[in-house]
């Protein structure tokens, strides 16, 4: 039981770390990349609360 919970916790930490790294990459990315990400997020992958796809 506890081992299964530990595996879920490790998976969640890895997922959060990957998400954090992509956010950092986005913040340090040049504007053209950010525009591309905005275009992608418009397709249903919201990257931030200010993304237009969330306001629809």
PDB file of N, CA and C in Angstrom:
ATOM      1  N   UNK A   1       0.838  -1.207   0.000  1.00  0.00           N
ATOM      2  CA  UNK A   1       0.000   0.000   0.000  1.00  0.00           C
ATOM      3  C   UNK A   1       0.869   1.252   0.000  1.00  0.00           C
ATOM      4  N   UNK A   2       1.783   1.337   0.971  1.00  0.00           N
ATOM      5  CA  UNK A   2       2.612   2.540   1.081  1.00  0.00           C
ATOM      6  C   UNK A   2       3.577   2.635  -0.110  1.00  0.00           C
ATOM      7  N   UNK A   3       4.003   1.470  -0.623  1.00  0.00           N
ATOM      8  CA  UNK A   3       4.905   1.482  -1.772  1.00  0.00           C
ATOM      9  C   UNK A   3       4.186   2.030  -3.007  1.00  0.00           C
ATOM     10  N   UNK A   4       2.931   1.644  -3.175  1.00  0.00           N
ATOM     11  CA  UNK A   4       2.132   2.150  -4.298  1.00  0.00           C
ATOM     12  C   UNK A   4       1.949   3.662  -4.165  1.00  0.00           C
ATOM     13  N   UNK A   5       1.660   4.119  -2.954  1.00  0.00           N
ATOM     14  CA  UNK A   5       1.496   5.548  -2.717  1.00  0.00           C
ATOM     15  C   UNK A   5       2.791   6.302  -2.986  1.00  0.00           C
ATOM     16  N   UNK A   6       3.909   5.678  -2.620  1.00  0.00           N
ATOM     17  CA  UNK A   6       5.215   6.296  -2.851  1.00  0.00           C
ATOM     18  C   UNK A   6       5.488   6.434  -4.345  1.00  0.00           C
ATOM     19  N   UNK A   7       5.136   5.391  -5.112  1.00  0.00           N
ATOM     20  CA  UNK A   7       5.318   5.456  -6.564  1.00  0.00           C
ATOM     21  C   UNK A   7       4.496   6.580  -7.171  1.00  0.00           C
ATOM     22  N   UNK A   8       3.252   6.734  -6.691  1.00  0.00           N
ATOM     23  CA  UNK A   8       2.403   7.826  -7.186  1.00  0.00           C
ATOM     24  C   UNK A   8       3.011   9.184  -6.842  1.00  0.00           C
ATOM     25  N   UNK A   9       3.564   9.282  -5.639  1.00  0.00           N
ATOM     26  CA  UNK A   9       4.175  10.531  -5.200  1.00  0.00           C
ATOM     27  C   UNK A   9       5.387  10.872  -6.069  1.00  0.00           C
ATOM     28  N   UNK A  10       6.228   9.875  -6.323  1.00  0.00           N
ATOM     29  CA  UNK A  10       7.410  10.085  -7.171  1.00  0.00           C
ATOM     30  C   UNK A  10       6.984  10.508  -8.571  1.00  0.00           C
ATOM     31  N   UNK A  11       5.952   9.858  -9.102  1.00  0.00           N
ATOM     32  CA  UNK A  11       5.453  10.203 -10.433  1.00  0.00           C
ATOM     33  C   UNK A  11       4.938  11.639 -10.455  1.00  0.00           C
ATOM     34  N   UNK A  12       4.206  12.021  -9.425  1.00  0.00           N
ATOM     35  CA  UNK A  12       3.668  13.380  -9.341  1.00  0.00           C
ATOM     36  C   UNK A  12       4.794  14.408  -9.255  1.00  0.00           C
ATOM     37  N   UNK A  13       5.843  14.085  -8.499  1.00  0.00           N
ATOM     38  CA  UNK A  13       6.986  14.993  -8.372  1.00  0.00           C
ATOM     39  C   UNK A  13       7.690  15.145  -9.719  1.00  0.00           C
ATOM     40  N   UNK A  14       7.882  14.020 -10.429  1.00  0.00           N
ATOM     41  CA  UNK A  14       8.516  14.090 -11.750  1.00  0.00           C
ATOM     42  C   UNK A  14       7.684  14.928 -12.709  1.00  0.00           C
ATOM     43  N   UNK A  15       6.366  14.743 -12.649  1.00  0.00           N
ATOM     44  CA  UNK A  15       5.468  15.490 -13.521  1.00  0.00           C
ATOM     45  C   UNK A  15       5.533  16.980 -13.210  1.00  0.00           C
ATOM     46  N   UNK A  16       5.508  17.313 -11.913  1.00  0.00           N
ATOM     47  CA  UNK A  16       5.574  18.716 -11.496  1.00  0.00           C
ATOM     48  C   UNK A  16       6.913  19.331 -11.904  1.00  0.00           C
ATOM     49  N   UNK A  17       7.972  18.548 -11.803  1.00  0.00           N
ATOM     50  CA  UNK A  17       9.303  19.040 -12.173  1.00  0.00           C
ATOM     51  C   UNK A  17       9.366  19.321 -13.677  1.00  0.00           C
ATOM     52  N   UNK A  18       8.779  18.419 -14.466  1.00  0.00           N
ATOM     53  CA  UNK A  18       8.761  18.618 -15.915  1.00  0.00           C
ATOM     54  C   UNK A  18       7.960  19.869 -16.267  1.00  0.00           C
ATOM     55  N   UNK A  19       6.827  20.049 -15.574  1.00  0.00           N
ATOM     56  CA  UNK A  19       5.990  21.219 -15.799  1.00  0.00           C
ATOM     57  C   UNK A  19       6.741  22.495 -15.431  1.00  0.00           C
ATOM     58  N   UNK A  20       7.433  22.461 -14.292  1.00  0.00           N
ATOM     59  CA  UNK A  20       8.205  23.615 -13.841  1.00  0.00           C
ATOM     60  C   UNK A  20       9.303  23.960 -14.844  1.00  0.00           C
ATOM     61  N   UNK A  21       9.983  22.935 -15.346  1.00  0.00           N
ATOM     62  CA  UNK A  21      11.050  23.161 -16.326  1.00  0.00           C
ATOM     63  C   UNK A  21      10.492  23.762 -17.609  1.00  0.00           C
ATOM     64  N   UNK A  22       9.313  23.322 -18.037  1.00  0.00           N
ATOM     65  CA  UNK A  22       8.748  23.902 -19.255  1.00  0.00           C
ATOM     66  C   UNK A  22       8.294  25.334 -19.027  1.00  0.00           C
ATOM     67  N   UNK A  23       7.812  25.638 -17.814  1.00  0.00           N
ATOM     68  CA  UNK A  23       7.435  27.023 -17.499  1.00  0.00           C
ATOM     69  C   UNK A  23       8.677  27.914 -17.509  1.00  0.00           C
ATOM     70  N   UNK A  24       9.758  27.429 -16.911  1.00  0.00           N
ATOM     71  CA  UNK A  24      11.019  28.191 -16.907  1.00  0.00           C
ATOM     72  C   UNK A  24      11.512  28.393 -18.337  1.00  0.00           C
ATOM     73  N   UNK A  25      11.420  27.352 -19.147  1.00  0.00           N
ATOM     74  CA  UNK A  25      11.837  27.454 -20.552  1.00  0.00           C
ATOM     75  C   UNK A  25      10.979  28.485 -21.285  1.00  0.00           C
ATOM     76  N   UNK A  26       9.680  28.504 -20.965  1.00  0.00           N
ATOM     77  CA  UNK A  26       8.789  29.482 -21.598  1.00  0.00           C
ATOM     78  C   UNK A  26       9.154  30.899 -21.181  1.00  0.00           C
ATOM     79  N   UNK A  27       9.451  31.077 -19.888  1.00  0.00           N
ATOM     80  CA  UNK A  27       9.759  32.418 -19.389  1.00  0.00           C
ATOM     81  C   UNK A  27      11.055  32.956 -19.983  1.00  0.00           C
ATOM     82  N   UNK A  28      11.996  32.074 -20.247  1.00  0.00           N
ATOM     83  CA  UNK A  28      13.280  32.520 -20.786  1.00  0.00           C
ATOM     84  C   UNK A  28      13.315  32.467 -22.312  1.00  0.00           C
ATOM     85  N   UNK A  29      12.196  32.074 -22.901  1.00  0.00           N
ATOM     86  CA  UNK A  29      12.153  31.942 -24.368  1.00  0.00           C
ATOM     87  C   UNK A  29      11.995  33.306 -25.036  1.00  0.00           C
ATOM     88  N   UNK A  30      12.553  33.458 -26.233  1.00  0.00           N
ATOM     89  CA  UNK A  30      12.383  34.698 -26.998  1.00  0.00           C
ATOM     90  C   UNK A  30      10.936  34.844 -27.479  1.00  0.00           C
ATOM     91  N   UNK A  31      10.487  36.070 -27.748  1.00  0.00           N
ATOM     92  CA  UNK A  31       9.087  36.343 -28.119  1.00  0.00           C
ATOM     93  C   UNK A  31       8.526  35.476 -29.250  1.00  0.00           C
ATOM     94  N   UNK A  32       9.273  35.172 -30.329  1.00  0.00           N
ATOM     95  CA  UNK A  32       8.685  34.321 -31.378  1.00  0.00           C
ATOM     96  C   UNK A  32       8.251  32.955 -30.863  1.00  0.00           C
ATOM     97  N   UNK A  33       9.042  32.397 -29.945  1.00  0.00           N
ATOM     98  CA  UNK A  33       8.682  31.103 -29.368  1.00  0.00           C
ATOM     99  C   UNK A  33       7.409  31.245 -28.533  1.00  0.00           C
ATOM    100  N   UNK A  34       7.311  32.341 -27.787  1.00  0.00           N
ATOM    101  CA  UNK A  34       6.125  32.573 -26.976  1.00  0.00           C
ATOM    102  C   UNK A  34       4.888  32.699 -27.858  1.00  0.00           C
ATOM    103  N   UNK A  35       5.026  33.336 -29.012  1.00  0.00           N
ATOM    104  CA  UNK A  35       3.902  33.452 -29.940  1.00  0.00           C
ATOM    105  C   UNK A  35       3.482  32.084 -30.446  1.00  0.00           C
ATOM    106  N   UNK A  36       4.464  31.241 -30.731  1.00  0.00           N
ATOM    107  CA  UNK A  36       4.163  29.883 -31.182  1.00  0.00           C
ATOM    108  C   UNK A  36       3.434  29.111 -30.099  1.00  0.00           C
ATOM    109  N   UNK A  37       3.894  29.253 -28.863  1.00  0.00           N
ATOM    110  CA  UNK A  37       3.254  28.575 -27.742  1.00  0.00           C
ATOM    111  C   UNK A  37       1.830  29.095 -27.570  1.00  0.00           C
ATOM    112  N   UNK A  38       1.616  30.399 -27.753  1.00  0.00           N
ATOM    113  CA  UNK A  38       0.273  30.959 -27.685  1.00  0.00           C
ATOM    114  C   UNK A  38      -0.621  30.333 -28.754  1.00  0.00           C
ATOM    115  N   UNK A  39      -0.083  30.173 -29.942  1.00  0.00           N
ATOM    116  CA  UNK A  39      -0.844  29.555 -31.025  1.00  0.00           C
ATOM    117  C   UNK A  39      -1.202  28.114 -30.669  1.00  0.00           C
ATOM    118  N   UNK A  40      -0.238  27.397 -30.091  1.00  0.00           N
ATOM    119  CA  UNK A  40      -0.481  26.014 -29.688  1.00  0.00           C
ATOM    120  C   UNK A  40      -1.520  25.978 -28.563  1.00  0.00           C
ATOM    121  N   UNK A  41      -1.395  26.885 -27.600  1.00  0.00           N
ATOM    122  CA  UNK A  41      -2.320  26.879 -26.461  1.00  0.00           C
ATOM    123  C   UNK A  41      -3.729  27.243 -26.918  1.00  0.00           C
ATOM    124  N   UNK A  42      -3.840  27.960 -28.037  1.00  0.00           N
ATOM    125  CA  UNK A  42      -5.150  28.269 -28.591  1.00  0.00           C
ATOM    126  C   UNK A  42      -5.859  27.022 -29.099  1.00  0.00           C
ATOM    127  N   UNK A  43      -5.083  25.965 -29.342  1.00  0.00           N
ATOM    128  CA  UNK A  43      -5.653  24.720 -29.841  1.00  0.00           C
ATOM    129  C   UNK A  43      -6.172  23.833 -28.719  1.00  0.00           C
ATOM    130  N   UNK A  44      -6.109  24.334 -27.495  1.00  0.00           N
ATOM    131  CA  UNK A  44      -6.663  23.558 -26.388  1.00  0.00           C
ATOM    132  C   UNK A  44      -5.628  23.098 -25.390  1.00  0.00           C
ATOM    133  N   UNK A  45      -4.414  23.665 -25.454  1.00  0.00           N
ATOM    134  CA  UNK A  45      -3.407  23.359 -24.452  1.00  0.00           C
ATOM    135  C   UNK A  45      -3.076  24.632 -23.689  1.00  0.00           C
ATOM    136  N   UNK A  46      -3.898  25.028 -22.724  1.00  0.00           N
ATOM    137  CA  UNK A  46      -3.648  26.272 -21.992  1.00  0.00           C
ATOM    138  C   UNK A  46      -2.334  26.203 -21.230  1.00  0.00           C
ATOM    139  N   UNK A  47      -1.506  27.221 -21.415  1.00  0.00           N
ATOM    140  CA  UNK A  47      -0.202  27.220 -20.744  1.00  0.00           C
ATOM    141  C   UNK A  47      -0.208  28.147 -19.541  1.00  0.00           C
ATOM    142  N   UNK A  48      -1.137  29.109 -19.528  1.00  0.00           N
ATOM    143  CA  UNK A  48      -1.195  30.049 -18.416  1.00  0.00           C
ATOM    144  C   UNK A  48      -2.625  30.562 -18.260  1.00  0.00           C
ATOM    145  N   UNK A  49      -2.968  31.096 -17.085  1.00  0.00           N
ATOM    146  CA  UNK A  49      -4.324  31.606 -16.851  1.00  0.00           C
ATOM    147  C   UNK A  49      -4.707  32.727 -17.821  1.00  0.00           C
ATOM    148  N   UNK A  50      -3.729  33.434 -18.367  1.00  0.00           N
ATOM    149  CA  UNK A  50      -4.028  34.556 -19.253  1.00  0.00           C
ATOM    150  C   UNK A  50      -4.226  34.095 -20.700  1.00  0.00           C
ATOM    151  N   UNK A  51      -4.136  32.787 -20.918  1.00  0.00           N
ATOM    152  CA  UNK A  51      -4.275  32.267 -22.278  1.00  0.00           C
ATOM    153  C   UNK A  51      -5.715  32.408 -22.775  1.00  0.00           C
ATOM    154  N   UNK A  52      -5.889  32.823 -24.029  1.00  0.00           N
ATOM    155  CA  UNK A  52      -7.231  33.116 -24.568  1.00  0.00           C
ATOM    156  C   UNK A  52      -8.175  31.917 -24.547  1.00  0.00           C
ATOM    157  N   UNK A  53      -7.636  30.705 -24.631  1.00  0.00           N
ATOM    158  CA  UNK A  53      -8.490  29.526 -24.720  1.00  0.00           C
ATOM    159  C   UNK A  53      -9.260  29.285 -23.417  1.00  0.00           C
ATOM    160  N   UNK A  54      -8.753  29.816 -22.294  1.00  0.00           N
ATOM    161  CA  UNK A  54      -9.441  29.630 -21.026  1.00  0.00           C
ATOM    162  C   UNK A  54     -10.602  30.605 -20.854  1.00  0.00           C
ATOM    163  N   UNK A  55     -10.555  31.716 -21.559  1.00  0.00           N
ATOM    164  CA  UNK A  55     -11.583  32.734 -21.382  1.00  0.00           C
ATOM    165  C   UNK A  55     -12.813  32.461 -22.234  1.00  0.00           C
ATOM    166  N   UNK A  56     -12.696  31.542 -23.199  1.00  0.00           N
ATOM    167  CA  UNK A  56     -13.837  31.201 -24.046  1.00  0.00           C
ATOM    168  C   UNK A  56     -14.878  30.404 -23.298  1.00  0.00           C
TER     169      UNK A  56
END
